[in-house]
Amino acid sequence: MAVVIFIIVLWYGGLFFQSFFLHRYAAHQVFTMSKTMEKITFILTWIFQGSSYLSAYGYGIMHRMHHAYTDTEKDPHSPSYDANMFAMMWKTKTIYQDINEQRIAIDERFTKNVPQWKSFDAFAGSRFSRILWITFYILFFVFFVTSWWQWLLLPIAFLMAPIHGVIINWFGHIYGYVNFKMKNTSKNLFHFDFLMMGEGYHNNHHKHASSPNFGVKWHEIDITYLIIRILDFFGFIKLKAIKVKK
């Protein structure tokens, strides 16, 4: 049971910081935070993403490119131009690394105000850091596994962030329903997004990319947005203008 709880904590903890910090803050800047709070969030993102840590800079730029070039050849991740999800994931990894290591020229509109902590990213995204987390995960499983099938959960711990990414960027462009007809394949994966904390309302998000709330209909409860509202209420962050959808 401890292993299952551990995976659930990693799943939702890593997912929250990917959605809250990397996506809604770094890429879309739907709220502001102090530099101190920003650094704290960098560290929390590293703790919860662990071996699959993603930098806010690389993620933020790549996601802006995704919105600008959705379902075209310039899209960093599109099922329309990749043979399978693994090919898409490899392409995404390559572009992400090229951005972080400044191997490709990036349009200024994609880099404007994207948060970056170079020294921390150099450590958190290093091979040493990833191996350290992997070692910790393995040791945790060694001490707490109570049944053979729980070992099957270990790769999920290693690859949590890529798994989150492929659910949205692959399946969220193939399966689901649409509230808005658009010139792309974005879809809402769930009527109530219990699995991806609001990220599954992908069609809604592509229609209203600058909105902090990805839900539109009454049943589309965006759990990450609710947490954002609480953080805003207590002054940890400052929400920008909130769009009310009907």
Protein backbone atom coordinates (compact mmCIF):
# COMPACT_ATOMS: atom_id res chain seq x y z
CA MET A 1 0.00 0.00 0.00
CA ALA A 2 2.88 2.40 0.75
CA VAL A 3 4.16 2.03 -2.83
CA VAL A 4 0.75 2.80 -4.32
CA ILE A 5 0.37 5.88 -2.10
CA PHE A 6 3.90 6.94 -3.09
CA ILE A 7 3.04 6.76 -6.82
CA ILE A 8 -0.20 8.65 -6.28
CA VAL A 9 1.67 11.42 -4.44
CA LEU A 10 4.27 11.61 -7.23
CA TRP A 11 1.54 11.55 -9.89
CA TYR A 12 -0.55 14.39 -8.51
CA GLY A 13 2.35 16.34 -6.99
CA GLY A 14 4.35 16.31 -10.21
CA LEU A 15 1.24 16.99 -12.27
CA PHE A 16 0.25 19.96 -10.14
CA PHE A 17 3.60 21.70 -10.48
CA GLN A 18 3.72 20.95 -14.18
CA SER A 19 0.29 22.50 -14.63
CA PHE A 20 0.58 25.30 -12.06
CA PHE A 21 4.19 26.37 -12.59
CA LEU A 22 5.43 25.18 -15.97
CA HIS A 23 2.19 25.53 -17.90
CA ARG A 24 0.02 28.27 -16.43
CA TYR A 25 2.84 30.41 -15.02
CA ALA A 26 5.89 29.91 -17.24
CA ALA A 27 4.11 29.46 -20.57
CA HIS A 28 0.94 31.53 -20.16
CA GLN A 29 1.66 33.79 -17.19
CA VAL A 30 -1.95 33.86 -16.01
CA PHE A 31 -0.73 34.93 -12.56
CA THR A 32 2.33 36.56 -11.03
CA MET A 33 4.47 35.64 -8.03
CA SER A 34 7.42 37.12 -6.19
CA LYS A 35 10.96 36.05 -7.09
CA THR A 36 11.23 34.30 -3.73
CA MET A 37 8.03 32.35 -4.36
CA GLU A 38 9.26 31.58 -7.87
CA LYS A 39 12.48 30.02 -6.56
CA ILE A 40 10.55 28.03 -3.95
CA THR A 41 8.33 26.70 -6.73
CA PHE A 42 11.34 25.75 -8.85
CA ILE A 43 12.58 23.63 -5.93
CA LEU A 44 9.17 22.06 -5.27
CA THR A 45 8.86 21.19 -8.96
CA TRP A 46 12.21 19.40 -8.76
CA ILE A 47 11.15 17.53 -5.62
CA PHE A 48 7.89 16.27 -7.09
CA GLN A 49 9.06 15.67 -10.68
CA GLY A 50 12.30 14.10 -9.48
CA SER A 51 14.06 12.12 -12.18
CA SER A 52 11.80 13.56 -14.90
CA TYR A 53 12.33 17.23 -13.93
CA LEU A 54 11.45 19.77 -16.65
CA SER A 55 12.81 23.30 -16.67
CA ALA A 56 10.30 26.15 -16.75
CA TYR A 57 12.33 27.79 -19.51
CA GLY A 58 12.38 24.83 -21.88
CA TYR A 59 8.78 23.85 -21.15
CA GLY A 60 7.45 27.40 -21.36
CA ILE A 61 9.01 28.13 -24.74
CA MET A 62 8.07 24.77 -26.21
CA HIS A 63 4.47 25.11 -25.07
CA ARG A 64 4.18 28.58 -26.59
CA MET A 65 5.44 27.10 -29.84
CA HIS A 66 2.80 24.37 -29.57
CA HIS A 67 0.04 26.97 -29.38
CA ALA A 68 1.48 29.03 -32.23
CA TYR A 69 1.99 26.05 -34.55
CA THR A 70 -0.66 23.56 -33.38
CA ASP A 71 -0.96 20.57 -35.71
CA THR A 72 1.52 21.92 -38.25
CA GLU A 73 5.01 20.71 -39.11
CA LYS A 74 6.46 23.28 -36.67
CA ASP A 75 4.45 21.90 -33.73
CA PRO A 76 6.89 20.36 -31.19
CA HIS A 77 4.38 17.60 -30.48
CA SER A 78 1.51 16.71 -32.80
CA PRO A 79 -0.02 13.29 -33.55
CA SER A 80 -0.66 14.66 -37.04
CA TYR A 81 3.06 14.61 -37.85
CA ASP A 82 4.41 11.72 -35.77
CA ALA A 83 3.97 8.04 -36.51
CA ASN A 84 3.32 7.04 -32.90
CA MET A 85 3.45 8.41 -29.36
CA PHE A 86 7.04 7.26 -28.83
CA ALA A 87 8.23 9.09 -31.95
CA MET A 88 6.42 12.20 -30.71
CA MET A 89 7.98 11.91 -27.26
CA TRP A 90 11.47 11.58 -28.74
CA LYS A 91 10.91 14.59 -31.01
CA THR A 92 9.62 16.59 -28.03
CA LYS A 93 12.67 15.61 -25.93
CA THR A 94 15.03 16.67 -28.71
CA ILE A 95 13.38 20.08 -29.17
CA TYR A 96 13.24 20.62 -25.40
CA GLN A 97 16.97 19.91 -25.08
CA ASP A 98 17.78 22.11 -28.09
CA ILE A 99 15.93 25.00 -26.44
CA ASN A 100 17.60 24.55 -23.05
CA GLU A 101 21.06 24.21 -24.55
CA GLN A 102 20.43 27.08 -26.99
CA ARG A 103 21.22 24.96 -30.04
CA ILE A 104 18.39 26.50 -32.07
CA ALA A 105 17.27 30.08 -32.71
CA ILE A 106 14.03 30.96 -30.89
CA ASP A 107 11.68 33.78 -31.87
CA GLU A 108 11.64 36.48 -29.17
CA ARG A 109 7.87 36.18 -28.75
CA PHE A 110 8.39 32.70 -27.32
CA THR A 111 11.05 33.71 -24.80
CA LYS A 112 9.54 36.91 -23.40
CA ASN A 113 9.37 36.81 -19.57
CA VAL A 114 9.73 33.03 -19.39
CA PRO A 115 11.22 32.32 -15.92
CA GLN A 116 14.70 30.86 -15.87
CA TRP A 117 17.05 29.86 -13.05
CA LYS A 118 20.08 28.67 -14.99
CA SER A 119 22.20 27.42 -12.10
CA PHE A 120 19.36 25.47 -10.53
CA ASP A 121 18.23 24.00 -13.86
CA ALA A 122 21.81 22.91 -14.55
CA PHE A 123 21.71 20.89 -11.33
CA ALA A 124 18.06 19.73 -11.31
CA GLY A 125 18.20 18.60 -14.94
CA SER A 126 21.64 17.01 -14.66
CA ARG A 127 22.40 13.31 -15.01
CA PHE A 128 23.61 13.32 -11.40
CA SER A 129 20.25 14.63 -10.12
CA ARG A 130 18.24 12.18 -12.21
CA ILE A 131 20.36 9.21 -11.07
CA LEU A 132 20.01 10.38 -7.47
CA TRP A 133 16.20 10.37 -7.75
CA ILE A 134 16.16 7.01 -9.54
CA THR A 135 18.30 5.52 -6.78
CA PHE A 136 15.93 6.90 -4.15
CA TYR A 137 12.88 5.47 -5.97
CA ILE A 138 14.50 2.03 -6.23
CA LEU A 139 15.46 2.00 -2.56
CA PHE A 140 11.93 3.05 -1.58
CA PHE A 141 10.51 0.15 -3.58
CA VAL A 142 13.04 -2.28 -2.11
CA PHE A 143 11.93 -1.41 1.42
CA PHE A 144 8.18 -1.06 0.86
CA VAL A 145 7.11 -3.41 -1.97
CA THR A 146 4.73 -6.05 -0.65
CA SER A 147 3.73 -7.75 -3.92
CA TRP A 148 5.51 -8.44 -7.22
CA TRP A 149 3.07 -6.36 -9.30
CA GLN A 150 4.05 -3.19 -7.45
CA TRP A 151 7.41 -3.30 -9.25
CA LEU A 152 5.47 -2.55 -12.43
CA LEU A 153 4.86 0.94 -11.02
CA LEU A 154 8.58 1.76 -10.83
CA PRO A 155 8.92 2.95 -14.48
CA ILE A 156 6.04 5.36 -13.85
CA ALA A 157 8.06 6.96 -11.06
CA PHE A 158 11.06 7.30 -13.38
CA LEU A 159 9.10 8.83 -16.28
CA MET A 160 6.29 10.72 -14.59
CA ALA A 161 6.57 14.03 -16.49
CA PRO A 162 6.81 12.45 -19.97
CA ILE A 163 3.79 10.27 -19.15
CA HIS A 164 1.81 13.36 -18.16
CA GLY A 165 2.91 15.05 -21.36
CA VAL A 166 1.97 12.23 -23.69
CA ILE A 167 -1.51 11.87 -22.16
CA ILE A 168 -2.31 15.47 -23.12
CA ASN A 169 -0.22 15.99 -26.23
CA TRP A 170 -1.02 12.66 -27.87
CA PHE A 171 -4.31 11.37 -26.52
CA GLY A 172 -5.66 14.92 -26.01
CA HIS A 173 -5.43 15.42 -29.78
CA ILE A 174 -7.00 12.08 -30.72
CA TYR A 175 -9.69 11.11 -28.20
CA GLY A 176 -12.43 13.01 -26.40
CA TYR A 177 -15.05 15.65 -27.14
CA VAL A 178 -14.96 19.28 -28.24
CA ASN A 179 -16.76 22.34 -26.94
CA PHE A 180 -15.22 24.58 -29.59
CA LYS A 181 -14.70 23.84 -33.26
CA MET A 182 -11.16 24.94 -34.08
CA LYS A 183 -8.56 24.53 -36.79
CA ASN A 184 -6.73 21.94 -34.74
CA THR A 185 -7.38 18.50 -33.25
CA SER A 186 -7.44 19.48 -29.55
CA LYS A 187 -10.03 17.61 -27.50
CA ASN A 188 -11.29 17.41 -23.92
CA LEU A 189 -10.35 14.01 -22.54
CA PHE A 190 -12.80 13.89 -19.61
CA HIS A 191 -16.13 15.42 -18.64
CA PHE A 192 -14.70 15.63 -15.12
CA ASP A 193 -10.92 15.63 -15.17
CA PHE A 194 -10.04 13.64 -12.06
CA LEU A 195 -6.88 12.23 -13.66
CA MET A 196 -5.07 15.32 -15.03
CA MET A 197 -6.30 18.03 -12.61
CA GLY A 198 -7.80 20.18 -15.38
CA GLU A 199 -5.12 19.66 -18.04
CA GLY A 200 -7.46 17.22 -19.77
CA TYR A 201 -9.74 20.07 -20.88
CA HIS A 202 -7.39 20.56 -23.79
CA ASN A 203 -9.90 21.83 -26.35
CA ASN A 204 -11.11 24.48 -23.89
CA HIS A 205 -7.53 25.52 -23.23
CA HIS A 206 -6.69 25.93 -26.92
CA LYS A 207 -9.75 28.14 -27.32
CA HIS A 208 -8.98 30.30 -24.26
CA ALA A 209 -5.22 29.93 -23.80
CA SER A 210 -4.87 32.96 -21.53
CA SER A 211 -7.55 31.85 -19.07
CA PRO A 212 -6.41 30.37 -15.74
CA ASN A 213 -9.53 28.19 -15.62
CA PHE A 214 -9.54 25.38 -18.18
CA GLY A 215 -13.10 24.32 -17.35
CA VAL A 216 -16.03 25.79 -19.27
CA LYS A 217 -19.14 23.72 -18.52
CA TRP A 218 -20.48 23.19 -15.01
CA HIS A 219 -19.11 19.64 -14.78
CA GLU A 220 -15.66 20.60 -16.05
CA ILE A 221 -14.10 21.26 -12.67
CA ASP A 222 -10.49 22.41 -12.98
CA ILE A 223 -8.82 21.22 -9.76
CA THR A 224 -5.58 23.09 -10.44
CA TYR A 225 -7.52 26.31 -10.91
CA LEU A 226 -9.26 25.83 -7.57
CA ILE A 227 -5.87 25.51 -5.88
CA ILE A 228 -4.68 28.62 -7.76
CA ARG A 229 -7.66 30.54 -6.37
CA ILE A 230 -6.73 29.46 -2.84
CA LEU A 231 -3.08 30.50 -3.34
CA ASP A 232 -4.28 33.83 -4.72
CA PHE A 233 -6.60 34.33 -1.74
CA PHE A 234 -3.74 33.83 0.72
CA GLY A 235 -1.42 36.10 -1.25
CA PHE A 236 1.13 33.53 -2.43
CA ILE A 237 0.41 34.50 -6.04
CA LYS A 238 -1.59 37.22 -7.82
CA LEU A 239 -4.11 36.18 -10.44
CA LYS A 240 -4.44 38.36 -13.49
CA ALA A 241 -7.87 39.20 -14.90
CA ILE A 242 -10.09 36.11 -14.66
CA LYS A 243 -12.30 35.41 -17.65
CA VAL A 244 -15.74 34.09 -16.81
CA LYS A 245 -17.01 31.58 -19.39
CA LYS A 246 -20.56 30.63 -19.99
